[in-house]
Amino acid sequence: MSRALIIVDVQNDFCEGGSLAVPGGAAVAGAISEYLDGHHSEFDHVVATQDWHIDPGSHFSDFPDYQDSWPRHCVAGTRGAELHPDLDTEYVDAYFRKGQFAAAYSGFEGLLAPEDAVPTGERQAGGLPGAAAALEGDEDAIGLDDWLQSHDVEDVVVVGIATDYCVKATALDAVQAGYGVTVVRSLTAGIAEDLEDAVAEMELGGADIA
């Protein structure tokens, strides 16, 4: 049995100064790094997810409702899609990128980035980002669930941004996929001022809140 840490969307656009900044995002990036320094031995694997939008349709809007549509963010190959510099990626084994051509909140919608892709989101020579090789419909693409299963993971700990959207969706999908799930609330940052509903939804869905 293996245990994995899933770091959700700790990217520049979701931290202070980004196009869709979440209050406390940068602090969470640093806190996750400190947590890993002290607890990395407790995990067999560490993975990170990234919003990686190419053309996500109505997910982007000039007049967003901040429920189903949002300002442009985490565009593939831009600085906003890069992982925040305060997030130490030393222990990250794999990166999963989601939302190329549609909205994607859960890390379980992500696809494994090629090993030669630059994890900070810089463009590869030739135009499209390296991760564009792993697109929806690619039969050879490896999803997060497949990767975790292939590494015998049974329990996951979820941290990252945002508590009430991508963290929640990732945690609930992990429960549905049969993993034991813990969300470390102090290592998440949320959009809403009151996150109790999101936390309650995760608990009712079967996730433990630490």
C-alpha atoms as a PDB file:
ATOM      1  CA  MET A   1       0.000   0.000   0.000  1.00  0.00           C
ATOM      2  CA  SER A   2       1.290   3.431  -0.955  1.00  0.00           C
ATOM      3  CA  ARG A   3       0.372   6.936   0.114  1.00  0.00           C
ATOM      4  CA  ALA A   4       0.469  10.009  -2.116  1.00  0.00           C
ATOM      5  CA  LEU A   5       0.296  13.752  -1.653  1.00  0.00           C
ATOM      6  CA  ILE A   6      -1.698  15.585  -4.331  1.00  0.00           C
ATOM      7  CA  ILE A   7      -0.790  19.277  -4.671  1.00  0.00           C
ATOM      8  CA  VAL A   8      -3.611  21.018  -6.514  1.00  0.00           C
ATOM      9  CA  ASP A   9      -3.051  24.021  -8.813  1.00  0.00           C
ATOM     10  CA  VAL A  10      -0.516  26.052  -6.830  1.00  0.00           C
ATOM     11  CA  GLN A  11       0.046  28.334  -9.822  1.00  0.00           C
ATOM     12  CA  ASN A  12       0.915  31.990 -10.303  1.00  0.00           C
ATOM     13  CA  ASP A  13      -2.507  32.987 -11.607  1.00  0.00           C
ATOM     14  CA  PHE A  14      -4.139  31.606  -8.455  1.00  0.00           C
ATOM     15  CA  CYS A  15      -1.808  33.493  -6.130  1.00  0.00           C
ATOM     16  CA  GLU A  16      -1.503  37.175  -5.306  1.00  0.00           C
ATOM     17  CA  GLY A  17      -0.724  39.161  -8.450  1.00  0.00           C
ATOM     18  CA  GLY A  18      -2.308  36.563 -10.735  1.00  0.00           C
ATOM     19  CA  SER A  19      -5.341  37.011 -12.968  1.00  0.00           C
ATOM     20  CA  LEU A  20      -7.545  34.913 -10.666  1.00  0.00           C
ATOM     21  CA  ALA A  21      -5.808  35.413  -7.340  1.00  0.00           C
ATOM     22  CA  VAL A  22      -7.014  33.521  -4.285  1.00  0.00           C
ATOM     23  CA  PRO A  23      -6.312  35.259  -0.962  1.00  0.00           C
ATOM     24  CA  GLY A  24      -3.514  33.451   0.821  1.00  0.00           C
ATOM     25  CA  GLY A  25      -2.417  31.511  -2.244  1.00  0.00           C
ATOM     26  CA  ALA A  26       1.247  32.466  -1.989  1.00  0.00           C
ATOM     27  CA  ALA A  27       1.290  31.680   1.720  1.00  0.00           C
ATOM     28  CA  VAL A  28      -0.127  28.229   0.982  1.00  0.00           C
ATOM     29  CA  ALA A  29       2.615  27.640  -1.601  1.00  0.00           C
ATOM     30  CA  GLY A  30       5.247  28.324   1.053  1.00  0.00           C
ATOM     31  CA  ALA A  31       3.394  26.331   3.704  1.00  0.00           C
ATOM     32  CA  ILE A  32       3.190  23.268   1.454  1.00  0.00           C
ATOM     33  CA  SER A  33       6.937  23.500   0.870  1.00  0.00           C
ATOM     34  CA  GLU A  34       7.580  23.635   4.619  1.00  0.00           C
ATOM     35  CA  TYR A  35       5.202  20.717   5.134  1.00  0.00           C
ATOM     36  CA  LEU A  36       7.052  18.655   2.533  1.00  0.00           C
ATOM     37  CA  ASP A  37      10.384  19.424   4.137  1.00  0.00           C
ATOM     38  CA  GLY A  38       9.164  17.912   7.376  1.00  0.00           C
ATOM     39  CA  HIS A  39       6.821  15.197   6.116  1.00  0.00           C
ATOM     40  CA  HIS A  40       8.041  13.988   2.705  1.00  0.00           C
ATOM     41  CA  SER A  41       9.123  10.685   4.223  1.00  0.00           C
ATOM     42  CA  GLU A  42       5.468   9.996   5.068  1.00  0.00           C
ATOM     43  CA  PHE A  43       4.592   9.818   1.367  1.00  0.00           C
ATOM     44  CA  ASP A  44       5.601   7.280  -1.228  1.00  0.00           C
ATOM     45  CA  HIS A  45       4.710   9.678  -4.046  1.00  0.00           C
ATOM     46  CA  VAL A  46       4.032  13.380  -4.567  1.00  0.00           C
ATOM     47  CA  VAL A  47       2.128  14.673  -7.597  1.00  0.00           C
ATOM     48  CA  ALA A  48       1.037  18.150  -8.660  1.00  0.00           C
ATOM     49  CA  THR A  49      -1.832  19.286 -10.860  1.00  0.00           C
ATOM     50  CA  GLN A  50      -1.978  22.354 -13.081  1.00  0.00           C
ATOM     51  CA  ASP A  51      -4.743  24.144 -14.906  1.00  0.00           C
ATOM     52  CA  TRP A  52      -3.392  24.159 -18.453  1.00  0.00           C
ATOM     53  CA  HIS A  53      -5.865  25.945 -20.687  1.00  0.00           C
ATOM     54  CA  ILE A  54      -5.501  26.139 -24.450  1.00  0.00           C
ATOM     55  CA  ASP A  55      -9.074  26.821 -25.582  1.00  0.00           C
ATOM     56  CA  PRO A  56     -11.498  25.997 -22.762  1.00  0.00           C
ATOM     57  CA  GLY A  57     -14.525  27.598 -24.412  1.00  0.00           C
ATOM     58  CA  SER A  58     -17.071  29.227 -22.114  1.00  0.00           C
ATOM     59  CA  HIS A  59     -14.841  28.589 -19.104  1.00  0.00           C
ATOM     60  CA  PHE A  60     -13.221  31.921 -20.047  1.00  0.00           C
ATOM     61  CA  SER A  61     -15.361  35.030 -20.216  1.00  0.00           C
ATOM     62  CA  ASP A  62     -14.934  38.788 -20.465  1.00  0.00           C
ATOM     63  CA  PHE A  63     -17.966  38.973 -18.175  1.00  0.00           C
ATOM     64  CA  PRO A  64     -17.401  36.070 -15.772  1.00  0.00           C
ATOM     65  CA  ASP A  65     -19.987  34.956 -13.243  1.00  0.00           C
ATOM     66  CA  TYR A  66     -17.282  33.413 -11.003  1.00  0.00           C
ATOM     67  CA  GLN A  67     -19.294  30.210 -10.811  1.00  0.00           C
ATOM     68  CA  ASP A  68     -19.103  28.634 -14.269  1.00  0.00           C
ATOM     69  CA  SER A  69     -17.094  31.277 -16.115  1.00  0.00           C
ATOM     70  CA  TRP A  70     -13.890  33.025 -15.106  1.00  0.00           C
ATOM     71  CA  PRO A  71     -11.346  35.581 -16.309  1.00  0.00           C
ATOM     72  CA  ARG A  72      -8.594  34.133 -18.492  1.00  0.00           C
ATOM     73  CA  HIS A  73      -6.148  32.233 -16.315  1.00  0.00           C
ATOM     74  CA  CYS A  74      -3.471  29.562 -16.466  1.00  0.00           C
ATOM     75  CA  VAL A  75      -3.138  29.727 -20.236  1.00  0.00           C
ATOM     76  CA  ALA A  76      -0.758  26.976 -21.358  1.00  0.00           C
ATOM     77  CA  GLY A  77       2.766  28.233 -21.768  1.00  0.00           C
ATOM     78  CA  THR A  78       2.297  31.505 -19.901  1.00  0.00           C
ATOM     79  CA  ARG A  79       3.788  32.675 -16.636  1.00  0.00           C
ATOM     80  CA  GLY A  80       0.345  32.450 -15.042  1.00  0.00           C
ATOM     81  CA  ALA A  81       0.322  28.689 -15.615  1.00  0.00           C
ATOM     82  CA  GLU A  82       3.694  28.231 -13.954  1.00  0.00           C
ATOM     83  CA  LEU A  83       3.852  26.745 -10.490  1.00  0.00           C
ATOM     84  CA  HIS A  84       4.343  29.427  -7.855  1.00  0.00           C
ATOM     85  CA  PRO A  85       8.040  29.981  -7.081  1.00  0.00           C
ATOM     86  CA  ASP A  86       7.455  29.409  -3.362  1.00  0.00           C
ATOM     87  CA  LEU A  87       6.316  25.843  -4.088  1.00  0.00           C
ATOM     88  CA  ASP A  88       9.362  23.597  -3.808  1.00  0.00           C
ATOM     89  CA  THR A  89       9.028  20.906  -6.482  1.00  0.00           C
ATOM     90  CA  GLU A  90      12.005  18.833  -5.317  1.00  0.00           C
ATOM     91  CA  TYR A  91       9.793  15.966  -4.203  1.00  0.00           C
ATOM     92  CA  VAL A  92       7.230  16.073  -7.051  1.00  0.00           C
ATOM     93  CA  ASP A  93       7.244  12.837  -9.053  1.00  0.00           C
ATOM     94  CA  ALA A  94       4.714  13.706 -11.750  1.00  0.00           C
ATOM     95  CA  TYR A  95       2.634  16.595 -13.087  1.00  0.00           C
ATOM     96  CA  PHE A  96      -0.949  16.317 -14.327  1.00  0.00           C
ATOM     97  CA  ARG A  97      -2.380  19.058 -16.540  1.00  0.00           C
ATOM     98  CA  LYS A  98      -6.087  19.628 -16.983  1.00  0.00           C
ATOM     99  CA  GLY A  99      -8.568  21.778 -18.843  1.00  0.00           C
ATOM    100  CA  GLN A 100      -6.892  22.097 -22.218  1.00  0.00           C
ATOM    101  CA  PHE A 101     -10.174  22.381 -24.119  1.00  0.00           C
ATOM    102  CA  ALA A 102     -12.859  22.481 -21.417  1.00  0.00           C
ATOM    103  CA  ALA A 103     -13.370  23.462 -17.809  1.00  0.00           C
ATOM    104  CA  ALA A 104     -11.687  20.982 -15.476  1.00  0.00           C
ATOM    105  CA  TYR A 105     -11.753  21.366 -11.722  1.00  0.00           C
ATOM    106  CA  SER A 106     -10.702  17.936 -10.508  1.00  0.00           C
ATOM    107  CA  GLY A 107      -7.129  16.762 -10.693  1.00  0.00           C
ATOM    108  CA  PHE A 108      -8.568  13.434 -11.806  1.00  0.00           C
ATOM    109  CA  GLU A 109      -9.368  15.102 -15.124  1.00  0.00           C
ATOM    110  CA  GLY A 110      -5.668  15.792 -15.581  1.00  0.00           C
ATOM    111  CA  LEU A 111      -3.292  13.996 -17.900  1.00  0.00           C
ATOM    112  CA  LEU A 112       0.328  13.145 -17.228  1.00  0.00           C
ATOM    113  CA  ALA A 113       2.690  15.756 -18.659  1.00  0.00           C
ATOM    114  CA  PRO A 114       5.513  14.397 -20.828  1.00  0.00           C
ATOM    115  CA  GLU A 115       8.754  13.896 -18.945  1.00  0.00           C
ATOM    116  CA  ASP A 116      10.514  16.396 -21.178  1.00  0.00           C
ATOM    117  CA  ALA A 117       7.927  19.110 -20.515  1.00  0.00           C
ATOM    118  CA  VAL A 118       9.231  21.958 -18.394  1.00  0.00           C
ATOM    119  CA  PRO A 119       7.168  21.816 -15.172  1.00  0.00           C
ATOM    120  CA  THR A 120       7.139  25.601 -14.824  1.00  0.00           C
ATOM    121  CA  GLY A 121       5.048  25.889 -17.966  1.00  0.00           C
ATOM    122  CA  GLU A 122       7.513  27.329 -20.470  1.00  0.00           C
ATOM    123  CA  ARG A 123       6.706  26.687 -24.102  1.00  0.00           C
ATOM    124  CA  GLN A 124       8.534  23.969 -25.964  1.00  0.00           C
ATOM    125  CA  ALA A 125      10.172  24.760 -29.303  1.00  0.00           C
ATOM    126  CA  GLY A 126       7.660  24.519 -32.103  1.00  0.00           C
ATOM    127  CA  GLY A 127       4.678  26.333 -30.660  1.00  0.00           C
ATOM    128  CA  LEU A 128       2.341  24.367 -28.434  1.00  0.00           C
ATOM    129  CA  PRO A 129       3.366  23.535 -24.870  1.00  0.00           C
ATOM    130  CA  GLY A 130       4.986  20.171 -24.364  1.00  0.00           C
ATOM    131  CA  ALA A 131       1.991  18.955 -22.372  1.00  0.00           C
ATOM    132  CA  ALA A 132      -0.227  19.506 -25.402  1.00  0.00           C
ATOM    133  CA  ALA A 133       0.960  16.086 -26.536  1.00  0.00           C
ATOM    134  CA  ALA A 134      -1.294  14.644 -23.850  1.00  0.00           C
ATOM    135  CA  LEU A 135      -4.690  15.891 -24.939  1.00  0.00           C
ATOM    136  CA  GLU A 136      -8.226  14.696 -24.397  1.00  0.00           C
ATOM    137  CA  GLY A 137      -8.878  11.793 -26.729  1.00  0.00           C
ATOM    138  CA  ASP A 138      -5.256  10.602 -26.765  1.00  0.00           C
ATOM    139  CA  GLU A 139      -5.556   6.900 -26.079  1.00  0.00           C
ATOM    140  CA  ASP A 140      -2.021   6.777 -24.746  1.00  0.00           C
ATOM    141  CA  ALA A 141      -2.541   9.617 -22.275  1.00  0.00           C
ATOM    142  CA  ILE A 142      -2.236   8.617 -18.623  1.00  0.00           C
ATOM    143  CA  GLY A 143      -4.742  10.043 -16.157  1.00  0.00           C
ATOM    144  CA  LEU A 144      -4.130  10.676 -12.479  1.00  0.00           C
ATOM    145  CA  ASP A 145      -6.206   7.693 -11.352  1.00  0.00           C
ATOM    146  CA  ASP A 146      -4.331   5.337 -13.690  1.00  0.00           C
ATOM    147  CA  TRP A 147      -0.999   6.674 -12.450  1.00  0.00           C
ATOM    148  CA  LEU A 148      -1.932   6.310  -8.790  1.00  0.00           C
ATOM    149  CA  GLN A 149      -3.230   2.788  -9.313  1.00  0.00           C
ATOM    150  CA  SER A 150      -0.087   1.779 -11.192  1.00  0.00           C
ATOM    151  CA  HIS A 151       1.900   2.913  -8.161  1.00  0.00           C
ATOM    152  CA  ASP A 152      -0.317   0.980  -5.729  1.00  0.00           C
ATOM    153  CA  VAL A 153      -1.600   4.121  -4.027  1.00  0.00           C
ATOM    154  CA  GLU A 154      -4.519   3.571  -1.668  1.00  0.00           C
ATOM    155  CA  ASP A 155      -4.503   6.743   0.422  1.00  0.00           C
ATOM    156  CA  VAL A 156      -4.124  10.343  -0.721  1.00  0.00           C
ATOM    157  CA  VAL A 157      -3.674  13.652   1.058  1.00  0.00           C
ATOM    158  CA  VAL A 158      -4.958  16.674  -0.859  1.00  0.00           C
ATOM    159  CA  VAL A 159      -3.659  20.242  -0.494  1.00  0.00           C
ATOM    160  CA  GLY A 160      -3.599  23.346  -2.678  1.00  0.00           C
ATOM    161  CA  ILE A 161      -5.883  25.880  -4.374  1.00  0.00           C
ATOM    162  CA  ALA A 162      -8.784  26.532  -4.289  1.00  0.00           C
ATOM    163  CA  THR A 163     -10.443  24.847  -1.306  1.00  0.00           C
ATOM    164  CA  ASP A 164     -13.961  25.371  -2.628  1.00  0.00           C
ATOM    165  CA  TYR A 165     -13.307  24.432  -6.247  1.00  0.00           C
ATOM    166  CA  CYS A 166     -10.379  22.346  -7.467  1.00  0.00           C
ATOM    167  CA  VAL A 167      -9.350  20.991  -4.062  1.00  0.00           C
ATOM    168  CA  LYS A 168     -12.941  19.994  -3.312  1.00  0.00           C
ATOM    169  CA  ALA A 169     -13.470  18.438  -6.746  1.00  0.00           C
ATOM    170  CA  THR A 170     -10.206  16.504  -6.522  1.00  0.00           C
ATOM    171  CA  ALA A 171     -10.963  15.219  -3.027  1.00  0.00           C
ATOM    172  CA  LEU A 172     -14.492  14.105  -3.918  1.00  0.00           C
ATOM    173  CA  ASP A 173     -13.317  12.369  -7.088  1.00  0.00           C
ATOM    174  CA  ALA A 174     -10.612  10.615  -5.078  1.00  0.00           C
ATOM    175  CA  VAL A 175     -13.247   9.277  -2.692  1.00  0.00           C
ATOM    176  CA  GLN A 176     -15.377   8.112  -5.621  1.00  0.00           C
ATOM    177  CA  ALA A 177     -12.355   6.371  -7.096  1.00  0.00           C
ATOM    178  CA  GLY A 178     -11.936   4.383  -3.888  1.00  0.00           C
ATOM    179  CA  TYR A 179      -9.026   6.122  -2.191  1.00  0.00           C
ATOM    180  CA  GLY A 180      -8.823   6.997   1.460  1.00  0.00           C
ATOM    181  CA  VAL A 181      -8.797  10.802   1.368  1.00  0.00           C
ATOM    182  CA  THR A 182      -7.571  13.455   3.786  1.00  0.00           C
ATOM    183  CA  VAL A 183      -7.642  17.187   3.076  1.00  0.00           C
ATOM    184  CA  VAL A 184      -5.241  19.315   5.136  1.00  0.00           C
ATOM    185  CA  ARG A 185      -7.307  22.461   5.471  1.00  0.00           C
ATOM    186  CA  SER A 186      -4.433  24.651   6.669  1.00  0.00           C
ATOM    187  CA  LEU A 187      -2.614  23.846   3.414  1.00  0.00           C
ATOM    188  CA  THR A 188      -5.444  25.093   1.221  1.00  0.00           C
ATOM    189  CA  ALA A 189      -6.694  28.537   0.222  1.00  0.00           C
ATOM    190  CA  GLY A 190     -10.266  29.243  -0.854  1.00  0.00           C
ATOM    191  CA  ILE A 191     -12.112  31.803  -2.940  1.00  0.00           C
ATOM    192  CA  ALA A 192     -15.147  32.265  -0.702  1.00  0.00           C
ATOM    193  CA  GLU A 193     -14.817  34.070   2.619  1.00  0.00           C
ATOM    194  CA  ASP A 194     -16.821  31.319   4.314  1.00  0.00           C
ATOM    195  CA  LEU A 195     -15.526  27.870   3.393  1.00  0.00           C
ATOM    196  CA  GLU A 196     -17.641  25.876   5.824  1.00  0.00           C
ATOM    197  CA  ASP A 197     -20.035  24.687   3.114  1.00  0.00           C
ATOM    198  CA  ALA A 198     -17.175  23.402   0.990  1.00  0.00           C
ATOM    199  CA  VAL A 199     -15.578  21.670   3.973  1.00  0.00           C
ATOM    200  CA  ALA A 200     -18.920  20.128   4.965  1.00  0.00           C
ATOM    201  CA  GLU A 201     -19.450  18.884   1.402  1.00  0.00           C
ATOM    202  CA  MET A 202     -16.077  17.178   1.420  1.00  0.00           C
ATOM    203  CA  GLU A 203     -16.764  15.587   4.788  1.00  0.00           C
ATOM    204  CA  LEU A 204     -20.202  14.381   3.702  1.00  0.00           C
ATOM    205  CA  GLY A 205     -18.593  13.044   0.549  1.00  0.00           C
ATOM    206  CA  GLY A 206     -16.276  10.854   2.593  1.00  0.00           C
ATOM    207  CA  ALA A 207     -13.085  12.905   2.925  1.00  0.00           C
ATOM    208  CA  ASP A 208     -11.394  13.433   6.272  1.00  0.00           C
ATOM    209  CA  ILE A 209     -10.515  17.044   7.121  1.00  0.00           C
ATOM    210  CA  ALA A 210      -7.302  17.465   9.058  1.00  0.00           C
END
